[in-house]
Amino acid sequence: MSDPWEGKLEKIDDFRWRIPKSYKPGMRVPGMVYADEKLLKDIKKDKALEQIANVAFLPGIVNASLAMPDCHWGYGFPIGGVAATDIEEGGVISPGGVGFDINCGVRMLKTDLTYEDINDKIEKLVYGLFSDVPSGIGSKGDIRVSVKEEREILLKGSKWAVEKGYGIADDLECTEEYGAIEGADPQTVSDRAYERGKAQSGTLGSGNHFLEIQVIDQLYNQEACDVLGLDLGQISIMIHSGSRGLGYQICDDYTKSMVHCLNKYGINVPDRQLACAPVNSQEGRAYLSAMKCAANYAWANRQCLMFLTRKVFEKVLGSSWQKMGMFLIYDVAHNIAKIEKHLIGGKEKTLCVHRKGATRAFAPGHPALPERYKKIGQPVIIPGDMGRNSYLLVGTQKAMEETFGSTCHGAGRVKSRTEATRTINVDSLLKELNSKGIIVKASGRGTIAEEAPQAYKNVNDVVDVVHNAGISKRVCRMRPLGVIKG
């Protein structure tokens, strides 16, 4: 495939590239791409770089339109895109800068179990999780809620789940925003969105969502591992899910309604998928409130999924989850817009930070972090594909200075779902994974093809870039043992 990108790229160093403001009249800031030569070749193969340049048109955007090394073409913003707008300077919020699966995110649990403890029970655990954790498109869970409770979830997030007995207070402390972002207003959510979300609490969802049993196979930062209580051979679990049909519908509602804001507020963007409104406008505030509702719903969802996971481990291994040390390391969002304070040109500014397929990576000492992580920085969870590694990293001061405290979110696709389904033999893939000691269960064979390792960049390359660029630092690496795909 020839490279669609024909614009100029200026090499800053081995891990950063600039799209100059001069590339397109109307760009307010340059584009900045975090990648090495190898990953840049993949990024050039779709329209992601063009989208990075387009995002630079947004009113109020500061510093640069950023792209992480897992960057690929998305709706409006590229997936892997980060942009911050200055609210006092007419900064806008764009639903395309958050994405359809609002607060799609991942949480990581540690355990006191070792590989030897569960080696002969992995298959039983995988089948138990597949049986007891609903997955797939439109999957409906056992955790049913009334209309009144659904509104509570949108306000309380993970706290609602903990109050219902689906976790402990410690889980909230180890969740971004403590599991609920303030300012959610259920009145800004459509009836259709409510309808789509009411039976989906505690469900995994489809596509790249997963539940994975892993073993730690490499340590990089002993100090951080000691703080986190992690060691070689230890079993960990990752849960990747989002706001399901509720978040999708909220995005759909607001991307359509916000198009009229372009004329109303005299906003000029080269792509209608970048429809946006000033954060301080009626439309901007309404979307932000609805987005926060979906974010809280997603945190509650992942909390419920963790509860179901703990129950399966109890059932299969015959011990309480507390005795097995199944405690939450952290839960991070990677499709969200946040109102945050950052230093811009030496002055503290209140910004609307869009992270679409990007993870918050706050530095040691940041006031938003729980006390236990102030010394090492925010845990950053980067899942790979089901045939390769996943990583735990921590945020850095350099990320605060360069990327509004942001880093990558995963491996990033190189094949569309359609192309993957067309080109990948599922039987051969399952055989290959099995030969590596990886057991996979999915709701359909199509999902396995779509999520094949060949459909993704190598997460090891992606993590190398963010580590070497200094915007997050490796702590440990995990390899998959058992995978449940939605």
Protein backbone atom coordinates (compact mmCIF):
# COMPACT_ATOMS: atom_id res chain seq x y z
CA MET A 1 0.00 0.00 0.00
CA SER A 2 1.40 3.43 -0.91
CA ASP A 3 1.60 6.12 1.76
CA PRO A 4 -1.40 8.48 1.53
CA TRP A 5 0.55 11.06 3.57
CA GLU A 6 2.36 13.52 1.34
CA GLY A 7 2.83 16.31 3.83
CA LYS A 8 5.99 17.45 5.52
CA LEU A 9 7.23 15.73 8.70
CA GLU A 10 10.11 17.27 10.64
CA LYS A 11 12.17 14.88 12.73
CA ILE A 12 12.77 16.29 16.22
CA ASP A 13 14.52 13.21 17.63
CA ASP A 14 14.29 9.41 17.33
CA PHE A 15 10.84 9.38 18.95
CA ARG A 16 9.14 12.68 17.99
CA TRP A 17 8.03 14.15 14.65
CA ARG A 18 6.42 17.50 13.89
CA ILE A 19 3.76 18.40 11.33
CA PRO A 20 4.47 22.13 10.82
CA LYS A 21 1.67 24.68 11.11
CA SER A 22 2.41 25.63 7.52
CA TYR A 23 1.13 22.25 6.28
CA LYS A 24 -2.46 23.56 6.13
CA PRO A 25 -3.64 27.17 6.32
CA GLY A 26 -5.86 27.32 9.42
CA MET A 27 -3.75 25.12 11.69
CA ARG A 28 -3.44 26.98 14.99
CA VAL A 29 -0.67 24.75 16.37
CA PRO A 30 1.70 22.15 14.90
CA GLY A 31 1.06 18.42 15.06
CA MET A 32 3.33 16.24 17.17
CA VAL A 33 3.71 12.49 16.60
CA TYR A 34 5.40 10.14 19.07
CA ALA A 35 6.84 7.27 17.02
CA ASP A 36 10.04 5.68 15.80
CA GLU A 37 10.84 5.10 12.11
CA LYS A 38 9.26 1.64 12.14
CA LEU A 39 5.93 2.70 13.68
CA LEU A 40 5.79 5.85 11.57
CA LYS A 41 5.57 3.68 8.44
CA ASP A 42 2.35 2.12 9.76
CA ILE A 43 0.94 5.47 10.88
CA LYS A 44 1.49 6.87 7.38
CA LYS A 45 -0.61 4.11 5.79
CA ASP A 46 -3.99 5.58 6.74
CA LYS A 47 -5.39 9.09 7.25
CA ALA A 48 -4.26 9.50 10.86
CA LEU A 49 -1.63 12.17 10.13
CA GLU A 50 -4.19 14.18 8.14
CA GLN A 51 -6.54 13.96 11.13
CA ILE A 52 -3.79 15.18 13.47
CA ALA A 53 -3.41 18.24 11.23
CA ASN A 54 -7.21 18.74 11.17
CA VAL A 55 -7.44 18.65 14.97
CA ALA A 56 -4.96 21.57 15.02
CA PHE A 57 -7.80 23.77 13.66
CA LEU A 58 -9.83 23.53 16.90
CA PRO A 59 -10.46 26.89 18.59
CA GLY A 60 -8.46 27.31 21.79
CA ILE A 61 -6.08 24.41 21.11
CA VAL A 62 -2.76 24.85 22.94
CA ASN A 63 0.82 23.66 22.29
CA ALA A 64 0.18 20.95 19.68
CA SER A 65 -2.21 18.37 18.28
CA LEU A 66 -0.64 15.19 19.65
CA ALA A 67 -0.53 11.58 18.44
CA MET A 68 0.69 8.57 20.39
CA PRO A 69 2.64 5.69 18.76
CA ASP A 70 -0.47 3.45 18.64
CA CYS A 71 -2.17 6.11 16.52
CA HIS A 72 -4.51 5.12 13.65
CA TRP A 73 -7.45 6.53 11.71
CA GLY A 74 -10.60 7.20 13.72
CA TYR A 75 -13.76 9.33 13.75
CA GLY A 76 -12.72 13.02 13.62
CA PHE A 77 -9.70 12.59 15.88
CA PRO A 78 -7.30 9.74 15.19
CA ILE A 79 -7.38 6.96 17.79
CA GLY A 80 -4.29 7.76 19.82
CA GLY A 81 -4.98 11.51 19.59
CA VAL A 82 -4.57 14.04 22.42
CA ALA A 83 -5.58 17.70 22.29
CA ALA A 84 -6.11 20.33 24.99
CA THR A 85 -8.09 23.54 24.58
CA ASP A 86 -7.91 26.64 26.75
CA ILE A 87 -11.42 27.15 28.13
CA GLU A 88 -10.93 30.87 28.90
CA GLU A 89 -9.78 31.46 25.32
CA GLY A 90 -12.92 29.97 23.74
CA GLY A 91 -11.60 26.41 23.90
CA VAL A 92 -13.98 23.80 22.50
CA ILE A 93 -15.01 20.26 23.32
CA SER A 94 -15.51 17.77 20.49
CA PRO A 95 -17.32 14.40 20.83
CA GLY A 96 -14.99 13.13 18.06
CA GLY A 97 -12.10 13.79 20.46
CA VAL A 98 -13.55 11.34 22.97
CA GLY A 99 -14.95 8.63 20.72
CA PHE A 100 -18.02 6.45 20.65
CA ASP A 101 -17.06 4.13 23.52
CA ILE A 102 -16.84 6.83 26.19
CA ASN A 103 -14.46 5.83 29.01
CA CYS A 104 -13.42 2.65 27.33
CA GLY A 105 -10.68 1.77 29.76
CA VAL A 106 -8.77 -0.96 31.52
CA ARG A 107 -8.20 -2.09 35.08
CA MET A 108 -5.48 -4.36 36.40
CA LEU A 109 -5.74 -6.62 39.44
CA LYS A 110 -2.81 -8.24 41.16
CA THR A 111 -3.05 -11.54 43.03
CA ASP A 112 -0.89 -13.45 45.49
CA LEU A 113 -1.14 -16.45 43.17
CA THR A 114 1.80 -17.71 41.14
CA TYR A 115 1.85 -19.46 37.78
CA GLU A 116 2.47 -22.76 39.58
CA ASP A 117 -0.66 -22.21 41.72
CA ILE A 118 -3.00 -22.07 38.73
CA ASN A 119 -1.13 -23.74 35.88
CA ASP A 120 -3.45 -26.77 35.87
CA LYS A 121 -6.58 -24.65 36.44
CA ILE A 122 -6.21 -22.00 33.72
CA GLU A 123 -8.65 -23.72 31.38
CA LYS A 124 -11.22 -24.05 34.18
CA LEU A 125 -10.81 -20.37 35.06
CA VAL A 126 -11.18 -19.30 31.41
CA TYR A 127 -14.33 -21.38 30.94
CA GLY A 128 -15.71 -20.14 34.27
CA LEU A 129 -15.13 -16.51 33.30
CA PHE A 130 -16.62 -17.06 29.85
CA SER A 131 -19.69 -18.64 31.45
CA ASP A 132 -20.24 -16.12 34.25
CA VAL A 133 -19.16 -12.83 32.64
CA PRO A 134 -21.59 -11.83 29.84
CA SER A 135 -19.78 -10.80 26.65
CA GLY A 136 -20.52 -9.93 23.04
CA ILE A 137 -22.72 -7.42 21.21
CA GLY A 138 -25.83 -6.51 23.21
CA SER A 139 -24.91 -8.93 25.98
CA LYS A 140 -27.09 -8.56 29.04
CA GLY A 141 -25.87 -9.17 32.56
CA ASP A 142 -27.18 -10.66 35.80
CA ILE A 143 -26.67 -7.31 37.51
CA ARG A 144 -30.03 -5.76 36.65
CA VAL A 145 -30.93 -2.19 37.59
CA SER A 146 -34.12 -0.16 37.78
CA VAL A 147 -34.56 3.20 36.03
CA LYS A 148 -33.94 4.97 39.35
CA GLU A 149 -30.77 2.95 39.95
CA GLU A 150 -29.52 3.64 36.45
CA ARG A 151 -29.63 7.37 37.16
CA GLU A 152 -27.73 6.69 40.38
CA ILE A 153 -25.03 4.82 38.42
CA LEU A 154 -24.62 7.81 36.10
CA LEU A 155 -23.98 10.02 39.13
CA LYS A 156 -22.09 7.68 41.46
CA GLY A 157 -20.11 5.45 39.08
CA SER A 158 -18.08 2.76 40.85
CA LYS A 159 -19.36 3.98 44.21
CA TRP A 160 -22.84 2.69 43.30
CA ALA A 161 -21.37 -0.78 42.68
CA VAL A 162 -19.40 -0.74 45.93
CA GLU A 163 -22.51 0.35 47.87
CA LYS A 164 -24.34 -2.63 46.35
CA GLY A 165 -21.65 -4.99 47.63
CA TYR A 166 -19.77 -5.37 44.33
CA GLY A 167 -16.44 -4.28 45.79
CA ILE A 168 -14.71 -2.43 48.61
CA ALA A 169 -13.78 1.21 49.31
CA ASP A 170 -10.15 0.39 48.47
CA ASP A 171 -11.26 -0.26 44.86
CA LEU A 172 -12.45 3.36 44.57
CA GLU A 173 -9.12 4.76 45.74
CA CYS A 174 -7.38 2.78 43.00
CA THR A 175 -9.65 4.07 40.20
CA GLU A 176 -9.08 7.21 38.13
CA GLU A 177 -11.34 9.99 39.49
CA TYR A 178 -12.07 7.58 42.38
CA GLY A 179 -14.59 5.93 40.08
CA ALA A 180 -16.89 8.91 39.51
CA ILE A 181 -16.27 12.21 37.77
CA GLU A 182 -18.20 15.18 39.20
CA GLY A 183 -20.64 17.17 37.09
CA ALA A 184 -22.62 14.33 35.50
CA ASP A 185 -26.23 15.32 34.77
CA PRO A 186 -28.63 12.47 33.88
CA GLN A 187 -31.02 15.04 32.35
CA THR A 188 -28.59 15.44 29.43
CA VAL A 189 -28.87 11.74 28.48
CA SER A 190 -31.50 10.70 25.91
CA ASP A 191 -34.16 8.05 26.56
CA ARG A 192 -32.62 5.95 23.79
CA ALA A 193 -29.24 5.98 25.57
CA TYR A 194 -30.91 4.92 28.84
CA GLU A 195 -32.69 2.11 27.03
CA ARG A 196 -29.44 0.84 25.50
CA GLY A 197 -27.59 0.89 28.82
CA LYS A 198 -30.06 -0.45 31.35
CA ALA A 199 -29.30 -4.18 30.95
CA GLN A 200 -25.59 -3.89 30.28
CA SER A 201 -24.03 -3.23 33.70
CA GLY A 202 -21.45 -5.91 34.39
CA THR A 203 -21.06 -6.93 30.73
CA LEU A 204 -17.83 -7.10 28.78
CA GLY A 205 -18.98 -5.90 25.37
CA SER A 206 -17.72 -6.81 21.93
CA GLY A 207 -14.74 -6.11 19.69
CA ASN A 208 -11.43 -5.44 21.41
CA HIS A 209 -12.89 -5.71 24.91
CA PHE A 210 -11.44 -8.55 26.91
CA LEU A 211 -10.79 -10.18 30.25
CA GLU A 212 -7.29 -11.67 30.50
CA ILE A 213 -5.38 -13.84 32.99
CA GLN A 214 -1.67 -12.99 32.81
CA VAL A 215 1.65 -13.78 34.44
CA ILE A 216 4.35 -11.19 35.18
CA ASP A 217 7.43 -12.21 33.17
CA GLN A 218 9.70 -9.14 33.32
CA LEU A 219 10.43 -6.44 35.91
CA TYR A 220 11.93 -3.07 34.91
CA ASN A 221 11.48 -0.78 37.94
CA GLN A 222 12.07 -2.51 41.27
CA GLU A 223 11.09 0.52 43.37
CA ALA A 224 7.68 0.80 41.68
CA CYS A 225 7.18 -2.99 41.85
CA ASP A 226 7.85 -2.89 45.59
CA VAL A 227 5.27 -0.12 46.09
CA LEU A 228 2.74 -2.04 43.98
CA GLY A 229 3.52 -5.43 45.53
CA LEU A 230 4.46 -7.07 42.22
CA ASP A 231 7.00 -9.79 41.46
CA LEU A 232 8.04 -12.24 38.75
CA GLY A 233 5.74 -15.23 38.22
CA GLN A 234 2.81 -13.46 39.87
CA ILE A 235 -0.66 -13.79 38.33
CA SER A 236 -2.43 -10.59 37.28
CA ILE A 237 -5.76 -9.92 35.56
CA MET A 238 -6.77 -7.19 33.11
CA ILE A 239 -10.33 -6.11 32.37
CA HIS A 240 -10.96 -3.95 29.29
CA SER A 241 -14.46 -2.57 28.73
CA GLY A 242 -16.37 0.69 28.39
CA SER A 243 -19.77 2.34 28.55
CA ARG A 244 -21.43 -0.09 26.16
CA GLY A 245 -24.57 1.00 24.26
CA LEU A 246 -25.19 3.94 26.59
CA GLY A 247 -21.90 5.67 25.75
CA TYR A 248 -22.23 4.91 22.04
CA GLN A 249 -25.69 6.47 21.93
CA ILE A 250 -24.57 9.58 23.83
CA CYS A 251 -21.75 10.10 21.33
CA ASP A 252 -24.13 9.50 18.41
CA ASP A 253 -26.69 11.98 19.79
CA TYR A 254 -24.17 14.76 20.35
CA THR A 255 -22.03 14.32 17.21
CA LYS A 256 -25.21 14.86 15.18
CA SER A 257 -26.60 17.77 17.22
CA MET A 258 -23.26 19.59 17.49
CA VAL A 259 -22.81 20.03 13.74
CA HIS A 260 -25.04 23.13 13.89
CA CYS A 261 -22.62 24.68 16.42
CA LEU A 262 -20.03 25.13 13.68
CA ASN A 263 -22.13 27.85 12.02
CA LYS A 264 -23.59 29.17 15.27
CA TYR A 265 -20.17 29.88 16.80
CA GLY A 266 -18.30 30.58 13.54
CA ILE A 267 -16.01 27.58 13.90
CA ASN A 268 -14.00 26.54 10.86
CA VAL A 269 -12.77 22.92 10.79
CA PRO A 270 -11.87 20.89 7.67
CA ASP A 271 -13.89 17.83 8.77
CA ARG A 272 -17.49 17.82 10.02
CA GLN A 273 -16.57 14.86 12.24
CA LEU A 274 -14.73 17.47 14.33
CA ALA A 275 -18.06 19.14 15.19
CA CYS A 276 -17.54 20.95 18.48
CA ALA A 277 -18.78 23.73 20.74
CA PRO A 278 -17.11 26.06 23.23
CA VAL A 279 -16.78 24.25 26.58
CA ASN A 280 -18.59 27.18 28.22
CA SER A 281 -21.54 27.15 25.78
CA GLN A 282 -24.89 25.52 26.53
CA GLU A 283 -24.13 22.76 23.99
CA GLY A 284 -20.60 22.22 25.32
CA ARG A 285 -21.80 21.95 28.92
CA ALA A 286 -24.60 19.54 27.95
CA TYR A 287 -22.22 17.19 26.12
CA LEU A 288 -19.67 17.34 28.93
CA SER A 289 -22.37 16.40 31.47
CA ALA A 290 -23.66 13.53 29.31
CA MET A 291 -20.11 12.30 28.64
CA LYS A 292 -19.47 12.26 32.40
CA CYS A 293 -22.61 10.14 32.85
CA ALA A 294 -21.25 7.59 30.37
CA ALA A 295 -17.81 7.70 32.03
CA ASN A 296 -19.36 6.94 35.42
CA TYR A 297 -21.40 4.13 33.90
CA ALA A 298 -18.19 2.62 32.47
CA TRP A 299 -16.41 2.76 35.82
CA ALA A 300 -19.39 1.05 37.47
CA ASN A 301 -19.35 -1.53 34.67
CA ARG A 302 -15.68 -2.40 35.16
CA GLN A 303 -16.24 -2.55 38.92
CA CYS A 304 -19.06 -5.08 38.37
CA LEU A 305 -16.86 -7.06 35.96
CA MET A 306 -14.15 -7.22 38.62
CA PHE A 307 -16.70 -8.47 41.16
CA LEU A 308 -17.76 -11.25 38.77
CA THR A 309 -14.11 -12.11 38.10
CA ARG A 310 -13.32 -12.37 41.80
CA LYS A 311 -16.35 -14.67 42.25
CA VAL A 312 -15.17 -17.03 39.49
CA PHE A 313 -11.70 -17.28 41.04
CA GLU A 314 -13.31 -18.03 44.42
CA LYS A 315 -15.46 -20.76 42.87
CA VAL A 316 -12.64 -22.43 40.91
CA LEU A 317 -9.84 -22.09 43.49
CA GLY A 318 -11.92 -22.54 46.66
CA SER A 319 -10.61 -19.52 48.54
CA SER A 320 -11.82 -15.97 49.20
CA TRP A 321 -10.59 -13.28 46.81
CA GLN A 322 -9.11 -11.42 49.79
CA LYS A 323 -7.01 -14.45 50.76
CA MET A 324 -5.86 -14.74 47.14
CA GLY A 325 -4.80 -11.07 47.26
CA MET A 326 -7.02 -10.05 44.32
CA PHE A 327 -6.68 -6.31 44.84
CA LEU A 328 -6.99 -3.55 42.26
CA ILE A 329 -3.76 -1.92 41.09
CA TYR A 330 -5.52 0.81 39.10
CA ASP A 331 -8.29 1.58 36.59
CA VAL A 332 -7.59 4.05 33.78
CA ALA A 333 -9.81 5.67 31.16
CA HIS A 334 -8.64 6.02 27.59
CA ASN A 335 -11.58 7.67 25.78
CA ILE A 336 -12.49 10.80 27.72
CA ALA A 337 -12.30 14.59 27.97
CA LYS A 338 -11.20 16.04 31.30
CA ILE A 339 -11.13 19.55 32.75
CA GLU A 340 -7.61 19.83 34.17
CA LYS A 341 -5.10 22.47 35.23
CA HIS A 342 -1.77 22.50 33.37
CA LEU A 343 1.16 24.90 33.09
CA ILE A 344 1.22 26.59 29.68
CA GLY A 345 4.08 29.03 29.12
CA GLY A 346 4.70 29.12 32.88
CA LYS A 347 1.07 30.01 33.71
CA GLU A 348 -1.53 27.65 35.15
CA LYS A 349 -4.43 27.27 32.72
CA THR A 350 -7.72 25.39 32.93
CA LEU A 351 -7.85 23.11 29.91
CA CYS A 352 -10.24 20.65 28.34
CA VAL A 353 -7.95 17.68 27.64
CA HIS A 354 -9.26 15.22 25.04
CA ARG A 355 -7.70 11.75 25.27
CA LYS A 356 -9.00 9.46 22.54
CA GLY A 357 -7.22 6.13 22.66
CA ALA A 358 -4.76 7.68 25.10
CA THR A 359 -4.16 7.19 28.82
CA ARG A 360 -3.65 9.72 31.59
CA ALA A 361 -0.05 9.48 32.89
CA PHE A 362 0.28 11.90 35.81
CA ALA A 363 3.67 12.43 37.45
CA PRO A 364 4.77 11.55 40.99
CA GLY A 365 3.32 13.92 43.57
CA HIS A 366 0.29 14.97 41.48
CA PRO A 367 -2.65 15.92 43.74
CA ALA A 368 -5.08 13.77 41.71
CA LEU A 369 -3.24 10.58 42.72
CA PRO A 370 -4.00 8.50 45.81
CA GLU A 371 -1.40 8.79 48.56
CA ARG A 372 -0.06 5.27 47.91
CA TYR A 373 1.04 6.25 44.36
CA LYS A 374 2.35 9.79 45.00
CA LYS A 375 5.92 8.49 45.23
CA ILE A 376 5.99 6.53 41.95
CA GLY A 377 3.45 8.33 39.74
CA GLN A 378 0.16 7.19 38.29
CA PRO A 379 -0.02 3.54 37.21
CA VAL A 380 -0.51 3.35 33.43
CA ILE A 381 -1.94 0.11 32.00
CA ILE A 382 -1.12 -0.72 28.37
CA PRO A 383 -2.70 -3.94 27.08
CA GLY A 384 -1.31 -5.65 24.01
CA ASP A 385 -3.08 -8.14 21.77
CA MET A 386 -4.05 -11.66 22.86
CA GLY A 387 -0.83 -13.19 21.53
CA ARG A 388 1.70 -10.71 22.92
CA ASN A 389 2.60 -8.89 26.11
CA SER A 390 0.84 -6.22 28.14
CA TYR A 391 2.58 -3.60 30.28
CA LEU A 392 2.30 -1.63 33.47
CA LEU A 393 4.03 1.76 33.41
CA VAL A 394 3.98 4.93 35.52
CA GLY A 395 3.45 8.57 34.58
CA THR A 396 6.26 11.12 34.48
CA GLN A 397 7.01 14.82 34.83
CA LYS A 398 7.99 14.90 31.16
CA ALA A 399 4.45 13.80 30.26
CA MET A 400 3.10 16.74 32.29
CA GLU A 401 5.37 19.11 30.33
CA GLU A 402 4.86 17.67 26.83
CA THR A 403 1.59 15.72 26.56
CA PHE A 404 -0.74 17.15 29.25
CA GLY A 405 0.08 14.06 31.33
CA SER A 406 -0.84 11.56 28.59
CA THR A 407 0.60 8.44 26.97
CA CYS A 408 -0.47 5.62 24.62
CA HIS A 409 -3.35 3.22 25.37
CA GLY A 410 -2.50 -0.06 23.64
CA ALA A 411 -1.00 -1.59 20.54
CA GLY A 412 -3.12 0.17 17.88
CA ARG A 413 -4.63 -1.51 14.85
CA VAL A 414 -2.83 -2.04 11.54
CA LYS A 415 -5.63 -4.06 9.90
CA SER A 416 -9.30 -3.09 9.82
CA ARG A 417 -11.74 -5.60 11.30
CA THR A 418 -12.96 -6.40 7.78
CA GLU A 419 -9.44 -7.02 6.48
CA ALA A 420 -8.54 -9.15 9.51
CA THR A 421 -11.65 -11.30 9.07
CA ARG A 422 -10.87 -11.74 5.37
CA THR A 423 -7.20 -12.64 5.75
CA ILE A 424 -6.86 -14.56 9.03
CA ASN A 425 -7.52 -18.29 9.43
CA VAL A 426 -9.13 -18.74 12.85
CA ASP A 427 -8.24 -22.43 13.25
CA SER A 428 -4.55 -21.75 12.51
CA LEU A 429 -4.57 -18.78 14.86
CA LEU A 430 -6.10 -20.76 17.75
CA LYS A 431 -3.57 -23.54 17.17
CA GLU A 432 -0.73 -21.01 17.24
CA LEU A 433 -2.00 -19.38 20.44
CA ASN A 434 -2.49 -22.78 22.06
CA SER A 435 1.13 -23.68 21.23
CA LYS A 436 2.17 -20.58 23.20
CA GLY A 437 0.08 -21.75 26.18
CA ILE A 438 -2.70 -19.20 25.59
CA ILE A 439 -6.32 -20.38 25.96
CA VAL A 440 -8.90 -18.21 24.16
CA LYS A 441 -12.69 -18.16 24.44
CA ALA A 442 -14.83 -15.72 22.45
CA SER A 443 -18.50 -15.19 21.67
CA GLY A 444 -17.82 -15.78 17.96
CA ARG A 445 -15.10 -16.90 15.55
CA GLY A 446 -15.31 -13.53 13.79
CA THR A 447 -14.16 -11.77 16.97
CA ILE A 448 -11.08 -14.01 17.18
CA ALA A 449 -10.09 -13.10 13.60
CA GLU A 450 -10.75 -9.38 14.16
CA GLU A 451 -8.60 -9.39 17.30
CA ALA A 452 -5.73 -11.52 15.97
CA PRO A 453 -2.19 -10.38 16.86
CA GLN A 454 -1.56 -9.73 13.14
CA ALA A 455 -4.29 -7.05 13.22
CA TYR A 456 -2.27 -4.96 15.70
CA LYS A 457 1.06 -3.21 15.94
CA ASN A 458 3.55 -4.91 18.23
CA VAL A 459 2.84 -3.46 21.68
CA ASN A 460 6.51 -3.95 22.61
CA ASP A 461 7.47 -1.39 19.93
CA VAL A 462 4.76 1.04 21.08
CA VAL A 463 5.82 0.86 24.73
CA ASP A 464 9.48 1.26 23.75
CA VAL A 465 8.60 4.63 22.18
CA VAL A 466 6.71 6.11 25.15
CA HIS A 467 9.37 4.80 27.56
CA ASN A 468 12.29 6.15 25.52
CA ALA A 469 10.48 9.44 24.87
CA GLY A 470 10.07 9.69 28.67
CA ILE A 471 6.29 10.23 28.76
CA SER A 472 5.80 7.07 30.83
CA LYS A 473 8.22 4.56 32.31
CA ARG A 474 8.02 0.76 32.21
CA VAL A 475 7.39 -1.04 35.51
CA CYS A 476 6.70 -4.65 34.48
CA ARG A 477 5.57 -6.83 31.59
CA MET A 478 2.90 -9.53 31.52
CA ARG A 479 2.21 -12.35 29.07
CA PRO A 480 -1.28 -13.80 28.49
CA LEU A 481 -2.36 -17.23 29.76
CA GLY A 482 -6.12 -17.11 29.24
CA VAL A 483 -8.23 -14.64 27.23
CA ILE A 484 -11.98 -14.05 27.13
CA LYS A 485 -13.02 -11.89 24.15
CA GLY A 486 -16.32 -10.10 23.79
